Amino acid sequence: MKPGSKDKKIKILISGKELSEIQRHTCSMAEAFGLDRRIENYQGKCPIGFYSWDLDCLIDVIDIVLDDPGNYPDKSSEEYKALKKLQDRLKDEYQINFD
């Protein structure tokens, strides 16, 4: 999707465990028009920009991944908690900026 002149882009810093966990699941973003490559190449040194449809995709992918016990059988693991924290942050940003 190509952004229009009135489409809002927000910047979010993702780093550490949150970044490594979302990068593990970029294969689930196959139909995201380059979002998968942007996440794979992102190094977490400065904020990354997202449009509403990018956040929709990220939130949906994280929902699916967290609900699959094959990905995170131990819901108390650091990896699960990091991805859950990222999910919560992304949902908050979406509500603040796009609802």
N, C-alpha and C. Protein backbone atom coordinates (compact mmCIF):
# COMPACT_ATOMS: atom_id res chain seq x y z
N MET A 1 0.85 -1.17 0.00
CA MET A 1 0.00 0.00 0.00
C MET A 1 0.90 1.23 0.00
N LYS A 2 0.52 2.19 -0.80
CA LYS A 2 1.30 3.42 -0.89
C LYS A 2 0.62 4.50 -0.05
N PRO A 3 1.38 5.18 0.82
CA PRO A 3 0.77 6.20 1.68
C PRO A 3 0.32 7.42 0.89
N GLY A 4 -0.78 7.98 1.34
CA GLY A 4 -1.28 9.22 0.76
C GLY A 4 -0.76 10.41 1.55
N SER A 5 -1.08 11.59 1.09
CA SER A 5 -0.58 12.81 1.72
C SER A 5 -1.13 13.00 3.13
N LYS A 6 -2.27 12.40 3.44
CA LYS A 6 -2.87 12.57 4.76
C LYS A 6 -2.64 11.38 5.69
N ASP A 7 -1.93 10.37 5.21
CA ASP A 7 -1.63 9.21 6.04
C ASP A 7 -0.57 9.58 7.08
N LYS A 8 -0.85 9.20 8.31
CA LYS A 8 0.02 9.53 9.43
C LYS A 8 1.03 8.41 9.65
N LYS A 9 2.28 8.80 9.85
CA LYS A 9 3.35 7.85 10.14
C LYS A 9 3.86 8.14 11.54
N ILE A 10 3.91 7.10 12.36
CA ILE A 10 4.44 7.27 13.71
C ILE A 10 5.75 6.51 13.84
N LYS A 11 6.59 6.97 14.73
CA LYS A 11 7.89 6.34 14.94
C LYS A 11 7.93 5.66 16.30
N ILE A 12 8.41 4.44 16.30
CA ILE A 12 8.48 3.63 17.51
C ILE A 12 9.86 2.98 17.57
N LEU A 13 10.48 3.03 18.73
CA LEU A 13 11.76 2.36 18.93
C LEU A 13 11.49 0.94 19.43
N ILE A 14 12.05 -0.02 18.73
CA ILE A 14 11.96 -1.43 19.14
C ILE A 14 13.39 -1.92 19.26
N SER A 15 13.74 -2.44 20.40
CA SER A 15 15.12 -2.90 20.59
C SER A 15 15.16 -4.09 21.55
N GLY A 16 16.33 -4.62 21.74
CA GLY A 16 16.54 -5.70 22.70
C GLY A 16 15.74 -6.95 22.36
N LYS A 17 15.20 -7.57 23.39
CA LYS A 17 14.42 -8.81 23.25
C LYS A 17 13.20 -8.61 22.38
N GLU A 18 12.55 -7.44 22.51
CA GLU A 18 11.38 -7.17 21.68
C GLU A 18 11.74 -7.28 20.20
N LEU A 19 12.85 -6.68 19.83
CA LEU A 19 13.28 -6.70 18.43
C LEU A 19 13.65 -8.12 17.99
N SER A 20 14.42 -8.80 18.78
CA SER A 20 14.83 -10.15 18.38
C SER A 20 13.63 -11.08 18.25
N GLU A 21 12.63 -10.92 19.10
CA GLU A 21 11.45 -11.77 19.02
C GLU A 21 10.59 -11.45 17.80
N ILE A 22 10.37 -10.17 17.49
CA ILE A 22 9.56 -9.85 16.31
C ILE A 22 10.31 -10.26 15.04
N GLN A 23 11.62 -10.17 15.06
CA GLN A 23 12.40 -10.59 13.89
C GLN A 23 12.31 -12.10 13.67
N ARG A 24 12.10 -12.85 14.71
CA ARG A 24 11.93 -14.31 14.57
C ARG A 24 10.68 -14.66 13.76
N HIS A 25 9.73 -13.75 13.73
CA HIS A 25 8.43 -14.07 13.14
C HIS A 25 8.12 -13.28 11.87
N THR A 26 9.16 -12.76 11.22
CA THR A 26 8.90 -11.99 9.99
C THR A 26 8.35 -12.86 8.87
N CYS A 27 8.59 -14.16 8.92
CA CYS A 27 8.04 -15.05 7.89
C CYS A 27 6.51 -15.03 7.90
N SER A 28 5.91 -14.65 9.00
CA SER A 28 4.46 -14.55 9.10
C SER A 28 3.91 -13.26 8.50
N MET A 29 4.80 -12.40 8.02
CA MET A 29 4.41 -11.12 7.43
C MET A 29 4.56 -11.14 5.92
N ALA A 30 4.39 -12.29 5.29
CA ALA A 30 4.68 -12.45 3.87
C ALA A 30 3.89 -11.50 2.98
N GLU A 31 2.68 -11.17 3.33
CA GLU A 31 1.85 -10.31 2.49
C GLU A 31 1.83 -8.87 2.98
N ALA A 32 2.91 -8.41 3.58
CA ALA A 32 2.92 -7.09 4.22
C ALA A 32 3.64 -6.02 3.41
N PHE A 33 3.85 -6.24 2.12
CA PHE A 33 4.41 -5.22 1.24
C PHE A 33 5.72 -4.64 1.75
N GLY A 34 6.65 -5.49 2.11
CA GLY A 34 7.98 -5.05 2.51
C GLY A 34 8.18 -4.85 4.00
N LEU A 35 7.12 -4.96 4.79
CA LEU A 35 7.27 -4.79 6.24
C LEU A 35 8.20 -5.85 6.80
N ASP A 36 8.10 -7.06 6.29
CA ASP A 36 8.97 -8.14 6.76
C ASP A 36 10.45 -7.80 6.57
N ARG A 37 10.80 -7.28 5.39
CA ARG A 37 12.20 -6.89 5.13
C ARG A 37 12.62 -5.72 6.00
N ARG A 38 11.72 -4.77 6.21
CA ARG A 38 12.05 -3.63 7.06
C ARG A 38 12.35 -4.08 8.48
N ILE A 39 11.56 -5.01 9.00
CA ILE A 39 11.77 -5.53 10.36
C ILE A 39 13.06 -6.36 10.40
N GLU A 40 13.29 -7.18 9.39
CA GLU A 40 14.52 -8.00 9.36
C GLU A 40 15.77 -7.13 9.36
N ASN A 41 15.74 -6.02 8.61
CA ASN A 41 16.91 -5.16 8.48
C ASN A 41 17.05 -4.13 9.59
N TYR A 42 16.01 -3.93 10.35
CA TYR A 42 15.99 -2.93 11.42
C TYR A 42 16.95 -3.35 12.53
N GLN A 43 17.74 -2.39 13.02
CA GLN A 43 18.74 -2.71 14.04
C GLN A 43 18.40 -2.14 15.41
N GLY A 44 17.33 -1.39 15.54
CA GLY A 44 16.90 -0.89 16.84
C GLY A 44 17.71 0.27 17.37
N LYS A 45 18.42 0.97 16.50
CA LYS A 45 19.24 2.09 16.96
C LYS A 45 18.47 3.42 16.95
N CYS A 46 17.49 3.53 16.09
CA CYS A 46 16.65 4.72 16.04
C CYS A 46 15.21 4.26 15.79
N PRO A 47 14.23 5.11 16.07
CA PRO A 47 12.84 4.70 15.87
C PRO A 47 12.54 4.35 14.41
N ILE A 48 11.65 3.42 14.23
CA ILE A 48 11.21 2.99 12.89
C ILE A 48 9.79 3.52 12.67
N GLY A 49 9.50 3.95 11.45
CA GLY A 49 8.21 4.53 11.14
C GLY A 49 7.20 3.50 10.68
N PHE A 50 5.98 3.64 11.17
CA PHE A 50 4.89 2.75 10.80
C PHE A 50 3.64 3.54 10.46
N TYR A 51 2.93 3.08 9.44
CA TYR A 51 1.60 3.59 9.13
C TYR A 51 0.59 2.68 9.83
N SER A 52 -0.67 3.05 9.79
CA SER A 52 -1.70 2.27 10.49
C SER A 52 -1.73 0.83 10.00
N TRP A 53 -1.59 0.61 8.68
CA TRP A 53 -1.65 -0.75 8.15
C TRP A 53 -0.44 -1.57 8.57
N ASP A 54 0.70 -0.92 8.80
CA ASP A 54 1.87 -1.64 9.32
C ASP A 54 1.59 -2.15 10.73
N LEU A 55 1.03 -1.27 11.55
CA LEU A 55 0.71 -1.67 12.93
C LEU A 55 -0.35 -2.75 12.95
N ASP A 56 -1.35 -2.64 12.05
CA ASP A 56 -2.37 -3.70 11.95
C ASP A 56 -1.71 -5.05 11.72
N CYS A 57 -0.79 -5.09 10.78
CA CYS A 57 -0.11 -6.34 10.45
C CYS A 57 0.71 -6.84 11.63
N LEU A 58 1.51 -5.98 12.23
CA LEU A 58 2.35 -6.39 13.36
C LEU A 58 1.51 -6.92 14.51
N ILE A 59 0.45 -6.21 14.84
CA ILE A 59 -0.41 -6.63 15.95
C ILE A 59 -1.06 -7.98 15.64
N ASP A 60 -1.54 -8.17 14.40
CA ASP A 60 -2.14 -9.44 14.02
C ASP A 60 -1.14 -10.59 14.07
N VAL A 61 0.06 -10.35 13.56
CA VAL A 61 1.09 -11.39 13.57
C VAL A 61 1.43 -11.77 15.01
N ILE A 62 1.61 -10.78 15.86
CA ILE A 62 1.95 -11.06 17.26
C ILE A 62 0.81 -11.81 17.94
N ASP A 63 -0.45 -11.43 17.67
CA ASP A 63 -1.60 -12.15 18.24
C ASP A 63 -1.54 -13.63 17.88
N ILE A 64 -1.30 -13.91 16.61
CA ILE A 64 -1.26 -15.30 16.14
C ILE A 64 -0.11 -16.06 16.78
N VAL A 65 1.06 -15.43 16.81
CA VAL A 65 2.26 -16.07 17.36
C VAL A 65 2.11 -16.36 18.85
N LEU A 66 1.59 -15.40 19.59
CA LEU A 66 1.45 -15.59 21.04
C LEU A 66 0.39 -16.63 21.38
N ASP A 67 -0.62 -16.77 20.53
CA ASP A 67 -1.68 -17.75 20.79
C ASP A 67 -1.29 -19.17 20.42
N ASP A 68 -0.20 -19.33 19.68
CA ASP A 68 0.24 -20.66 19.25
C ASP A 68 1.17 -21.26 20.30
N PRO A 69 0.72 -22.30 21.00
CA PRO A 69 1.57 -22.90 22.04
C PRO A 69 2.85 -23.51 21.49
N GLY A 70 2.91 -23.76 20.21
CA GLY A 70 4.14 -24.27 19.60
C GLY A 70 5.25 -23.24 19.60
N ASN A 71 4.89 -21.97 19.56
CA ASN A 71 5.89 -20.90 19.55
C ASN A 71 6.39 -20.59 20.96
N TYR A 72 5.47 -20.50 21.88
CA TYR A 72 5.81 -20.14 23.26
C TYR A 72 5.06 -21.04 24.23
N PRO A 73 5.56 -22.25 24.44
CA PRO A 73 4.88 -23.15 25.37
C PRO A 73 4.93 -22.64 26.82
N ASP A 74 5.97 -21.88 27.15
CA ASP A 74 6.13 -21.35 28.49
C ASP A 74 5.80 -19.85 28.47
N LYS A 75 4.61 -19.52 28.95
CA LYS A 75 4.15 -18.12 28.92
C LYS A 75 4.88 -17.25 29.94
N SER A 76 5.73 -17.83 30.74
CA SER A 76 6.51 -17.04 31.69
C SER A 76 7.95 -16.80 31.19
N SER A 77 8.23 -17.25 29.97
CA SER A 77 9.58 -17.07 29.44
C SER A 77 9.84 -15.60 29.10
N GLU A 78 11.11 -15.23 29.10
CA GLU A 78 11.50 -13.85 28.77
C GLU A 78 11.08 -13.50 27.35
N GLU A 79 11.18 -14.45 26.45
CA GLU A 79 10.84 -14.21 25.05
C GLU A 79 9.36 -13.89 24.90
N TYR A 80 8.52 -14.70 25.55
CA TYR A 80 7.07 -14.47 25.50
C TYR A 80 6.73 -13.10 26.09
N LYS A 81 7.31 -12.81 27.24
CA LYS A 81 7.03 -11.54 27.91
C LYS A 81 7.47 -10.35 27.06
N ALA A 82 8.61 -10.47 26.38
CA ALA A 82 9.10 -9.38 25.53
C ALA A 82 8.15 -9.13 24.37
N LEU A 83 7.69 -10.20 23.73
CA LEU A 83 6.78 -10.04 22.59
C LEU A 83 5.42 -9.53 23.06
N LYS A 84 4.97 -9.97 24.21
CA LYS A 84 3.70 -9.50 24.77
C LYS A 84 3.80 -8.00 25.10
N LYS A 85 4.93 -7.59 25.64
CA LYS A 85 5.14 -6.17 25.96
C LYS A 85 5.12 -5.33 24.68
N LEU A 86 5.77 -5.83 23.63
CA LEU A 86 5.76 -5.12 22.34
C LEU A 86 4.33 -5.04 21.80
N GLN A 87 3.60 -6.12 21.90
CA GLN A 87 2.20 -6.13 21.45
C GLN A 87 1.40 -5.06 22.18
N ASP A 88 1.56 -4.97 23.48
CA ASP A 88 0.83 -3.98 24.27
C ASP A 88 1.23 -2.56 23.86
N ARG A 89 2.52 -2.33 23.65
CA ARG A 89 2.97 -0.99 23.22
C ARG A 89 2.40 -0.62 21.86
N LEU A 90 2.41 -1.57 20.92
CA LEU A 90 1.90 -1.30 19.59
C LEU A 90 0.40 -1.02 19.61
N LYS A 91 -0.34 -1.78 20.41
CA LYS A 91 -1.78 -1.54 20.54
C LYS A 91 -2.05 -0.17 21.14
N ASP A 92 -1.28 0.21 22.15
CA ASP A 92 -1.44 1.54 22.76
C ASP A 92 -1.18 2.64 21.74
N GLU A 93 -0.10 2.50 20.98
CA GLU A 93 0.24 3.50 19.95
C GLU A 93 -0.85 3.57 18.89
N TYR A 94 -1.37 2.43 18.52
CA TYR A 94 -2.44 2.40 17.51
C TYR A 94 -3.67 3.15 18.02
N GLN A 95 -4.06 2.87 19.25
CA GLN A 95 -5.24 3.55 19.82
C GLN A 95 -5.03 5.04 19.93
N ILE A 96 -3.85 5.45 20.35
CA ILE A 96 -3.55 6.87 20.52
C ILE A 96 -3.56 7.62 19.18
N ASN A 97 -2.99 6.98 18.16
CA ASN A 97 -2.74 7.67 16.91
C ASN A 97 -3.75 7.41 15.78
N PHE A 98 -4.46 6.28 15.84
CA PHE A 98 -5.30 5.94 14.68
C PHE A 98 -6.76 5.65 15.01
N ASP A 99 -7.14 5.58 16.26
CA ASP A 99 -8.56 5.34 16.60
C ASP A 99 -9.31 6.62 16.73
